[in-house]
């Protein structure tokens, strides 16, 4: 029997640290819905590591080889969350949803980036930690949750 692709695993998380720091007593918990990354998301993530420039001097008085790789851990965090976040109930300063997801849980990347940019760093980190909890292949080697 051929392989039948299953819907990626999804998990809802309560952002307990965020609620402790920013939440109001008696209000509903802050939640996000994260899904497991599929091959397309793994490829998009891997593209961040793909740009390497190699420069080599042959006739210079001092021979050298220089490798340059552009990488930002914060950009990696943002991309991993964008690729796997399916729902979120965080509101902006006007009380409206920070992000508007489609019926199938997708969001425009430009709109996502605008919302991500205004998050407190601690909230962004907690969201990213949830993404890594579900997407174990993306965890730094040896790191457990």
C-alpha atoms as a PDB file:
ATOM      1  CA  UNK A   1       0.000   0.000   0.000  1.00  0.00           C
ATOM      2  CA  UNK A   2       1.449   3.421  -0.893  1.00  0.00           C
ATOM      3  CA  UNK A   3       2.181   6.007   1.766  1.00  0.00           C
ATOM      4  CA  UNK A   4      -0.746   8.212   2.612  1.00  0.00           C
ATOM      5  CA  UNK A   5       0.293  11.672   3.757  1.00  0.00           C
ATOM      6  CA  UNK A   6      -1.220  12.688   7.066  1.00  0.00           C
ATOM      7  CA  UNK A   7      -2.081  16.153   8.196  1.00  0.00           C
ATOM      8  CA  UNK A   8       0.899  17.569  10.138  1.00  0.00           C
ATOM      9  CA  UNK A   9       0.694  17.300  13.890  1.00  0.00           C
ATOM     10  CA  UNK A  10      -0.624  20.440  15.589  1.00  0.00           C
ATOM     11  CA  UNK A  11      -0.365  21.514  19.204  1.00  0.00           C
ATOM     12  CA  UNK A  12      -1.872  24.400  21.139  1.00  0.00           C
ATOM     13  CA  UNK A  13       0.349  26.141  23.677  1.00  0.00           C
ATOM     14  CA  UNK A  14      -0.509  28.543  26.477  1.00  0.00           C
ATOM     15  CA  UNK A  15       2.074  31.313  26.790  1.00  0.00           C
ATOM     16  CA  UNK A  16       2.370  31.155  30.558  1.00  0.00           C
ATOM     17  CA  UNK A  17       5.395  33.456  30.902  1.00  0.00           C
ATOM     18  CA  UNK A  18       3.755  36.028  28.664  1.00  0.00           C
ATOM     19  CA  UNK A  19       0.557  35.910  30.693  1.00  0.00           C
ATOM     20  CA  UNK A  20       2.528  36.241  33.939  1.00  0.00           C
ATOM     21  CA  UNK A  21       4.378  39.302  32.597  1.00  0.00           C
ATOM     22  CA  UNK A  22       1.660  41.029  30.536  1.00  0.00           C
ATOM     23  CA  UNK A  23      -1.706  39.357  31.170  1.00  0.00           C
ATOM     24  CA  UNK A  24      -4.601  40.706  33.176  1.00  0.00           C
ATOM     25  CA  UNK A  25      -6.122  38.644  35.970  1.00  0.00           C
ATOM     26  CA  UNK A  26      -9.311  36.941  34.891  1.00  0.00           C
ATOM     27  CA  UNK A  27      -8.649  37.295  31.170  1.00  0.00           C
ATOM     28  CA  UNK A  28      -8.413  34.234  28.907  1.00  0.00           C
ATOM     29  CA  UNK A  29      -4.927  32.751  28.476  1.00  0.00           C
ATOM     30  CA  UNK A  30      -2.698  33.762  25.587  1.00  0.00           C
ATOM     31  CA  UNK A  31      -2.545  30.825  23.175  1.00  0.00           C
ATOM     32  CA  UNK A  32      -0.874  29.857  19.934  1.00  0.00           C
ATOM     33  CA  UNK A  33      -1.398  26.906  17.603  1.00  0.00           C
ATOM     34  CA  UNK A  34       1.767  25.461  16.071  1.00  0.00           C
ATOM     35  CA  UNK A  35       2.069  22.743  13.442  1.00  0.00           C
ATOM     36  CA  UNK A  36       4.923  20.470  12.542  1.00  0.00           C
ATOM     37  CA  UNK A  37       7.023  21.665   9.654  1.00  0.00           C
ATOM     38  CA  UNK A  38       6.853  19.814   6.355  1.00  0.00           C
ATOM     39  CA  UNK A  39       9.553  19.434   3.713  1.00  0.00           C
ATOM     40  CA  UNK A  40       8.797  22.812   2.148  1.00  0.00           C
ATOM     41  CA  UNK A  41       9.316  24.581   5.456  1.00  0.00           C
ATOM     42  CA  UNK A  42      12.551  22.659   6.078  1.00  0.00           C
ATOM     43  CA  UNK A  43      13.849  23.780   2.667  1.00  0.00           C
ATOM     44  CA  UNK A  44      12.863  27.404   3.251  1.00  0.00           C
ATOM     45  CA  UNK A  45      14.630  27.347   6.639  1.00  0.00           C
ATOM     46  CA  UNK A  46      17.729  25.695   5.157  1.00  0.00           C
ATOM     47  CA  UNK A  47      17.998  28.506   2.603  1.00  0.00           C
ATOM     48  CA  UNK A  48      19.150  30.817   5.423  1.00  0.00           C
ATOM     49  CA  UNK A  49      22.312  28.732   5.671  1.00  0.00           C
ATOM     50  CA  UNK A  50      22.893  28.430   1.921  1.00  0.00           C
ATOM     51  CA  UNK A  51      24.653  31.720   1.161  1.00  0.00           C
ATOM     52  CA  UNK A  52      28.388  31.243   1.473  1.00  0.00           C
ATOM     53  CA  UNK A  53      30.872  33.400  -0.419  1.00  0.00           C
ATOM     54  CA  UNK A  54      34.361  32.090  -0.984  1.00  0.00           C
ATOM     55  CA  UNK A  55      37.128  34.510  -1.940  1.00  0.00           C
ATOM     56  CA  UNK A  56      40.612  33.355  -2.782  1.00  0.00           C
ATOM     57  CA  UNK A  57      43.734  35.292  -3.657  1.00  0.00           C
ATOM     58  CA  UNK A  58      46.183  33.614  -6.017  1.00  0.00           C
ATOM     59  CA  UNK A  59      48.704  36.312  -6.905  1.00  0.00           C
ATOM     60  CA  UNK A  60      48.542  38.524  -3.834  1.00  0.00           C
ATOM     61  CA  UNK A  61      51.674  38.875  -1.697  1.00  0.00           C
ATOM     62  CA  UNK A  62      49.759  37.254   1.134  1.00  0.00           C
ATOM     63  CA  UNK A  63      47.645  34.358  -0.003  1.00  0.00           C
ATOM     64  CA  UNK A  64      44.296  34.067   1.731  1.00  0.00           C
ATOM     65  CA  UNK A  65      40.963  32.314   1.608  1.00  0.00           C
ATOM     66  CA  UNK A  66      37.984  34.053   3.114  1.00  0.00           C
ATOM     67  CA  UNK A  67      34.541  32.550   3.717  1.00  0.00           C
ATOM     68  CA  UNK A  68      31.543  34.773   4.411  1.00  0.00           C
ATOM     69  CA  UNK A  69      28.208  33.486   5.622  1.00  0.00           C
ATOM     70  CA  UNK A  70      25.317  35.797   6.441  1.00  0.00           C
ATOM     71  CA  UNK A  71      23.290  34.495   9.369  1.00  0.00           C
ATOM     72  CA  UNK A  72      21.061  36.019  12.021  1.00  0.00           C
ATOM     73  CA  UNK A  73      19.650  33.932  14.859  1.00  0.00           C
ATOM     74  CA  UNK A  74      16.772  36.414  15.256  1.00  0.00           C
ATOM     75  CA  UNK A  75      15.899  36.036  11.568  1.00  0.00           C
ATOM     76  CA  UNK A  76      15.939  32.256  12.019  1.00  0.00           C
ATOM     77  CA  UNK A  77      13.543  32.529  14.981  1.00  0.00           C
ATOM     78  CA  UNK A  78      11.159  34.751  13.013  1.00  0.00           C
ATOM     79  CA  UNK A  79      11.195  32.450   9.993  1.00  0.00           C
ATOM     80  CA  UNK A  80      10.642  29.280  12.037  1.00  0.00           C
ATOM     81  CA  UNK A  81       7.632  30.847  13.751  1.00  0.00           C
ATOM     82  CA  UNK A  82       6.234  32.205  10.469  1.00  0.00           C
ATOM     83  CA  UNK A  83       6.519  28.793   8.815  1.00  0.00           C
ATOM     84  CA  UNK A  84       4.685  26.911  11.576  1.00  0.00           C
ATOM     85  CA  UNK A  85       2.353  29.311  13.432  1.00  0.00           C
ATOM     86  CA  UNK A  86      -1.254  28.534  12.570  1.00  0.00           C
ATOM     87  CA  UNK A  87      -3.241  30.615  15.084  1.00  0.00           C
ATOM     88  CA  UNK A  88      -2.649  33.116  17.859  1.00  0.00           C
ATOM     89  CA  UNK A  89      -4.906  35.219  20.082  1.00  0.00           C
ATOM     90  CA  UNK A  90      -2.448  38.054  20.856  1.00  0.00           C
ATOM     91  CA  UNK A  91      -3.997  41.464  20.295  1.00  0.00           C
ATOM     92  CA  UNK A  92      -2.391  44.708  19.173  1.00  0.00           C
ATOM     93  CA  UNK A  93      -2.588  47.969  21.139  1.00  0.00           C
ATOM     94  CA  UNK A  94      -6.061  48.639  19.660  1.00  0.00           C
ATOM     95  CA  UNK A  95      -7.468  45.323  20.904  1.00  0.00           C
ATOM     96  CA  UNK A  96      -7.532  43.764  17.423  1.00  0.00           C
ATOM     97  CA  UNK A  97      -5.841  40.469  16.503  1.00  0.00           C
ATOM     98  CA  UNK A  98      -2.118  40.960  15.941  1.00  0.00           C
ATOM     99  CA  UNK A  99      -2.310  38.553  12.999  1.00  0.00           C
ATOM    100  CA  UNK A 100      -5.177  37.488  10.765  1.00  0.00           C
ATOM    101  CA  UNK A 101      -4.886  33.888   9.649  1.00  0.00           C
ATOM    102  CA  UNK A 102      -6.759  32.361   6.714  1.00  0.00           C
ATOM    103  CA  UNK A 103      -9.179  29.481   7.248  1.00  0.00           C
ATOM    104  CA  UNK A 104      -6.344  27.012   6.693  1.00  0.00           C
ATOM    105  CA  UNK A 105      -4.032  28.804   9.150  1.00  0.00           C
ATOM    106  CA  UNK A 106      -1.755  30.725   6.817  1.00  0.00           C
ATOM    107  CA  UNK A 107      -0.752  34.377   6.958  1.00  0.00           C
ATOM    108  CA  UNK A 108       0.879  36.825   4.573  1.00  0.00           C
ATOM    109  CA  UNK A 109       4.594  37.004   5.404  1.00  0.00           C
ATOM    110  CA  UNK A 110       4.754  40.801   5.205  1.00  0.00           C
ATOM    111  CA  UNK A 111       1.860  41.119   7.655  1.00  0.00           C
ATOM    112  CA  UNK A 112       3.401  38.497   9.928  1.00  0.00           C
ATOM    113  CA  UNK A 113       6.709  40.386   9.966  1.00  0.00           C
ATOM    114  CA  UNK A 114       4.953  43.631  10.943  1.00  0.00           C
ATOM    115  CA  UNK A 115       3.335  41.955  13.945  1.00  0.00           C
ATOM    116  CA  UNK A 116       6.489  40.070  14.895  1.00  0.00           C
ATOM    117  CA  UNK A 117       8.485  43.313  14.891  1.00  0.00           C
ATOM    118  CA  UNK A 118       6.350  44.887  17.618  1.00  0.00           C
ATOM    119  CA  UNK A 119       6.345  41.915  20.003  1.00  0.00           C
ATOM    120  CA  UNK A 120       8.309  42.229  23.229  1.00  0.00           C
ATOM    121  CA  UNK A 121      11.449  40.119  22.913  1.00  0.00           C
ATOM    122  CA  UNK A 122      10.371  37.818  25.747  1.00  0.00           C
ATOM    123  CA  UNK A 123       7.070  37.043  23.986  1.00  0.00           C
ATOM    124  CA  UNK A 124       8.836  36.296  20.697  1.00  0.00           C
ATOM    125  CA  UNK A 125      11.226  33.972  22.535  1.00  0.00           C
ATOM    126  CA  UNK A 126       8.400  32.093  24.266  1.00  0.00           C
ATOM    127  CA  UNK A 127       6.560  31.624  20.964  1.00  0.00           C
ATOM    128  CA  UNK A 128       9.761  30.366  19.344  1.00  0.00           C
ATOM    129  CA  UNK A 129      10.353  27.957  22.239  1.00  0.00           C
ATOM    130  CA  UNK A 130       6.920  26.433  21.554  1.00  0.00           C
ATOM    131  CA  UNK A 131       7.801  26.026  17.870  1.00  0.00           C
ATOM    132  CA  UNK A 132      10.981  24.174  18.838  1.00  0.00           C
ATOM    133  CA  UNK A 133       9.099  21.981  21.292  1.00  0.00           C
ATOM    134  CA  UNK A 134       6.972  20.611  18.456  1.00  0.00           C
ATOM    135  CA  UNK A 135       9.617  20.761  15.700  1.00  0.00           C
ATOM    136  CA  UNK A 136      12.398  18.747  17.289  1.00  0.00           C
ATOM    137  CA  UNK A 137      14.544  18.720  14.113  1.00  0.00           C
ATOM    138  CA  UNK A 138      15.033  22.472  14.496  1.00  0.00           C
ATOM    139  CA  UNK A 139      16.307  22.374  18.067  1.00  0.00           C
ATOM    140  CA  UNK A 140      19.975  23.153  18.592  1.00  0.00           C
ATOM    141  CA  UNK A 141      21.859  19.902  19.040  1.00  0.00           C
ATOM    142  CA  UNK A 142      21.726  18.633  22.577  1.00  0.00           C
ATOM    143  CA  UNK A 143      18.995  21.055  23.674  1.00  0.00           C
ATOM    144  CA  UNK A 144      15.955  19.554  25.354  1.00  0.00           C
ATOM    145  CA  UNK A 145      12.615  21.116  26.230  1.00  0.00           C
END
